[in-house]
């Protein structure tokens, strides 16, 4: 049971994505300058990420993800990912996201359920529920300069955090 739960949680931990043509919003910083996060610009092309997955009753695992994002049309983005967790084999997954209203979006993931999200200032917040009733909440926050972002994902069951992913996502230059 624990191995199955750990595997299902591992399958859920990589929501490293963006959305197409979300309207950029900004948040004031202490310096008085605004930080703007444009998920479509950030995730179009190739990004790579490294992080750590911490699960209850299991040792921490290193994570590596390569993502290639493509705009499929106005407000419609597809993200193809290669995901590796610890020494497990690489898995492929696909995100499909579309803008529903300015700053809000909905989508799907091949190995999870429907996704909802929003952009506010320098952060993209995503939520979804896995088929085994694990609730996922993640926040991707762009760093100054717009070439990297921090992703923090919490996976909960019955309101208790059972796993946490922290990672840095970096845009690769063409």
Protein backbone atom coordinates (compact mmCIF):
# COMPACT_ATOMS: atom_id res chain seq x y z
CA UNK A 1 0.00 0.00 0.00
CA UNK A 2 2.78 2.45 0.96
CA UNK A 3 4.71 1.65 -2.24
CA UNK A 4 1.59 2.20 -4.37
CA UNK A 5 0.84 5.46 -2.56
CA UNK A 6 4.46 6.62 -2.99
CA UNK A 7 4.38 5.76 -6.70
CA UNK A 8 1.09 7.62 -7.21
CA UNK A 9 2.44 10.64 -5.34
CA UNK A 10 5.59 10.52 -7.42
CA UNK A 11 3.51 10.53 -10.58
CA UNK A 12 1.82 13.72 -9.42
CA UNK A 13 4.70 15.88 -8.37
CA UNK A 14 5.61 17.58 -11.60
CA UNK A 15 3.28 20.30 -12.53
CA UNK A 16 5.97 22.46 -14.01
CA UNK A 17 4.08 24.33 -16.46
CA UNK A 18 2.69 27.49 -17.70
CA UNK A 19 -0.25 28.59 -19.69
CA UNK A 20 -0.71 30.18 -23.01
CA UNK A 21 -1.24 33.90 -23.34
CA UNK A 22 -2.07 34.58 -19.73
CA UNK A 23 -2.04 38.29 -19.15
CA UNK A 24 1.10 39.42 -17.39
CA UNK A 25 0.49 40.96 -13.99
CA UNK A 26 2.96 42.63 -11.69
CA UNK A 27 3.70 42.86 -7.99
CA UNK A 28 5.63 45.72 -6.39
CA UNK A 29 8.97 44.81 -4.81
CA UNK A 30 10.75 46.56 -1.97
CA UNK A 31 12.83 48.40 -4.59
CA UNK A 32 9.64 49.89 -6.03
CA UNK A 33 10.04 48.01 -9.32
CA UNK A 34 7.43 45.45 -10.32
CA UNK A 35 8.22 41.80 -11.00
CA UNK A 36 6.13 40.48 -13.88
CA UNK A 37 5.44 36.80 -14.56
CA UNK A 38 4.33 35.85 -18.05
CA UNK A 39 3.83 32.05 -17.94
CA UNK A 40 3.42 31.73 -21.72
CA UNK A 41 6.74 33.46 -22.36
CA UNK A 42 8.48 31.57 -19.55
CA UNK A 43 7.37 28.07 -20.56
CA UNK A 44 7.50 28.39 -24.36
CA UNK A 45 10.59 26.55 -25.54
CA UNK A 46 12.79 24.37 -23.37
CA UNK A 47 13.02 24.50 -19.57
CA UNK A 48 14.88 22.20 -17.20
CA UNK A 49 14.40 21.73 -13.49
CA UNK A 50 16.10 20.01 -10.60
CA UNK A 51 14.64 19.58 -7.17
CA UNK A 52 13.89 17.40 -4.20
CA UNK A 53 10.78 15.35 -3.50
CA UNK A 54 10.17 14.74 0.21
CA UNK A 55 7.52 12.16 1.10
CA UNK A 56 6.37 10.90 4.47
CA UNK A 57 7.70 7.43 5.28
CA UNK A 58 10.26 7.63 2.43
CA UNK A 59 13.70 9.07 1.86
CA UNK A 60 14.09 12.25 -0.21
CA UNK A 61 14.47 11.80 -3.96
CA UNK A 62 16.21 14.03 -6.49
CA UNK A 63 14.03 15.12 -9.39
CA UNK A 64 14.93 16.15 -12.94
CA UNK A 65 12.46 17.38 -15.54
CA UNK A 66 12.92 18.58 -19.11
CA UNK A 67 9.94 20.42 -20.60
CA UNK A 68 9.28 21.70 -24.10
CA UNK A 69 6.39 24.17 -24.32
CA UNK A 70 4.55 25.01 -27.54
CA UNK A 71 1.82 27.58 -28.17
CA UNK A 72 -0.94 25.77 -30.06
CA UNK A 73 -3.05 28.88 -30.60
CA UNK A 74 -4.24 31.96 -28.74
CA UNK A 75 -4.73 30.96 -25.13
CA UNK A 76 -3.72 27.32 -25.76
CA UNK A 77 -0.40 25.80 -24.68
CA UNK A 78 1.02 22.29 -24.66
CA UNK A 79 3.91 21.18 -22.46
CA UNK A 80 5.70 17.89 -23.17
CA UNK A 81 7.77 16.65 -20.25
CA UNK A 82 10.35 13.99 -19.49
CA UNK A 83 10.24 13.35 -15.75
CA UNK A 84 12.74 11.42 -13.63
CA UNK A 85 12.28 10.85 -9.89
CA UNK A 86 15.20 9.27 -8.08
CA UNK A 87 16.38 6.15 -9.88
CA UNK A 88 12.98 5.46 -11.48
CA UNK A 89 12.79 5.25 -15.28
CA UNK A 90 12.08 8.48 -17.18
CA UNK A 91 8.35 9.04 -17.82
CA UNK A 92 6.72 11.21 -20.45
CA UNK A 93 3.72 13.38 -19.66
CA UNK A 94 1.79 16.13 -21.42
CA UNK A 95 0.03 19.21 -20.07
CA UNK A 96 -2.61 21.04 -22.10
CA UNK A 97 -3.60 24.46 -20.75
CA UNK A 98 -5.91 27.17 -22.02
CA UNK A 99 -6.83 30.61 -20.81
CA UNK A 100 -10.47 30.78 -19.74
CA UNK A 101 -10.55 34.42 -18.63
CA UNK A 102 -7.69 36.90 -18.16
CA UNK A 103 -5.38 35.53 -15.47
CA UNK A 104 -7.29 32.22 -15.09
CA UNK A 105 -6.87 28.93 -16.89
CA UNK A 106 -7.95 25.31 -17.04
CA UNK A 107 -6.34 22.23 -18.48
CA UNK A 108 -5.42 18.59 -18.25
CA UNK A 109 -2.41 16.40 -17.47
CA UNK A 110 -1.99 12.95 -18.97
CA UNK A 111 -1.41 11.23 -15.62
CA UNK A 112 -3.70 13.30 -13.37
CA UNK A 113 -7.02 15.11 -13.46
CA UNK A 114 -8.31 18.53 -14.47
CA UNK A 115 -6.14 21.53 -13.56
CA UNK A 116 -7.25 25.00 -12.51
CA UNK A 117 -5.00 27.95 -11.92
CA UNK A 118 -4.43 31.66 -11.76
CA UNK A 119 -1.68 34.21 -12.22
CA UNK A 120 -1.19 37.06 -9.75
CA UNK A 121 1.92 39.21 -9.78
CA UNK A 122 5.03 37.07 -9.89
CA UNK A 123 3.25 33.75 -9.15
CA UNK A 124 1.33 31.06 -10.99
CA UNK A 125 -0.85 28.96 -8.64
CA UNK A 126 -2.14 25.56 -9.79
CA UNK A 127 -4.48 23.06 -8.14
CA UNK A 128 -5.78 19.63 -9.07
CA UNK A 129 -6.89 16.37 -7.50
CA UNK A 130 -5.40 13.02 -8.43
CA UNK A 131 -7.55 9.96 -9.04
CA UNK A 132 -6.52 8.57 -5.63
CA UNK A 133 -7.88 11.69 -3.86
CA UNK A 134 -4.50 13.36 -3.32
CA UNK A 135 -4.89 17.13 -3.55
CA UNK A 136 -2.10 19.05 -5.26
CA UNK A 137 -1.39 22.75 -4.69
CA UNK A 138 1.64 24.37 -6.29
CA UNK A 139 3.02 27.84 -6.66
CA UNK A 140 5.56 28.72 -9.37
CA UNK A 141 7.20 32.07 -8.61
CA UNK A 142 9.38 33.75 -11.23
CA UNK A 143 12.74 35.07 -10.07
CA UNK A 144 13.99 38.57 -10.95
CA UNK A 145 15.24 38.58 -14.55
CA UNK A 146 12.59 36.07 -15.66
CA UNK A 147 15.02 33.25 -16.58
CA UNK A 148 14.27 30.99 -13.62
CA UNK A 149 11.44 30.23 -11.21
CA UNK A 150 10.94 28.46 -7.90
CA UNK A 151 8.30 25.73 -7.77
CA UNK A 152 6.84 24.58 -4.44
CA UNK A 153 4.27 21.80 -4.59
CA UNK A 154 2.36 20.34 -1.66
CA UNK A 155 0.45 17.09 -1.96
CA UNK A 156 -2.20 16.46 0.69
CA UNK A 157 -4.43 13.61 1.74
CA UNK A 158 -7.25 14.31 4.20
CA UNK A 159 -5.75 17.78 4.72
CA UNK A 160 -2.35 16.43 5.79
CA UNK A 161 0.73 17.15 3.67
CA UNK A 162 2.13 13.78 2.57
CA UNK A 163 4.69 15.06 0.05
CA UNK A 164 6.46 18.28 -0.89
CA UNK A 165 8.44 19.12 -4.01
CA UNK A 166 10.80 22.07 -4.15
CA UNK A 167 12.66 22.80 -7.34
CA UNK A 168 14.21 25.46 -9.50
CA UNK A 169 13.05 25.73 -13.12
CA UNK A 170 15.44 27.33 -15.62
CA UNK A 171 14.80 28.52 -19.16
CA UNK A 172 17.38 27.27 -21.65
CA UNK A 173 18.62 29.70 -24.25
CA UNK A 174 18.20 28.66 -27.88
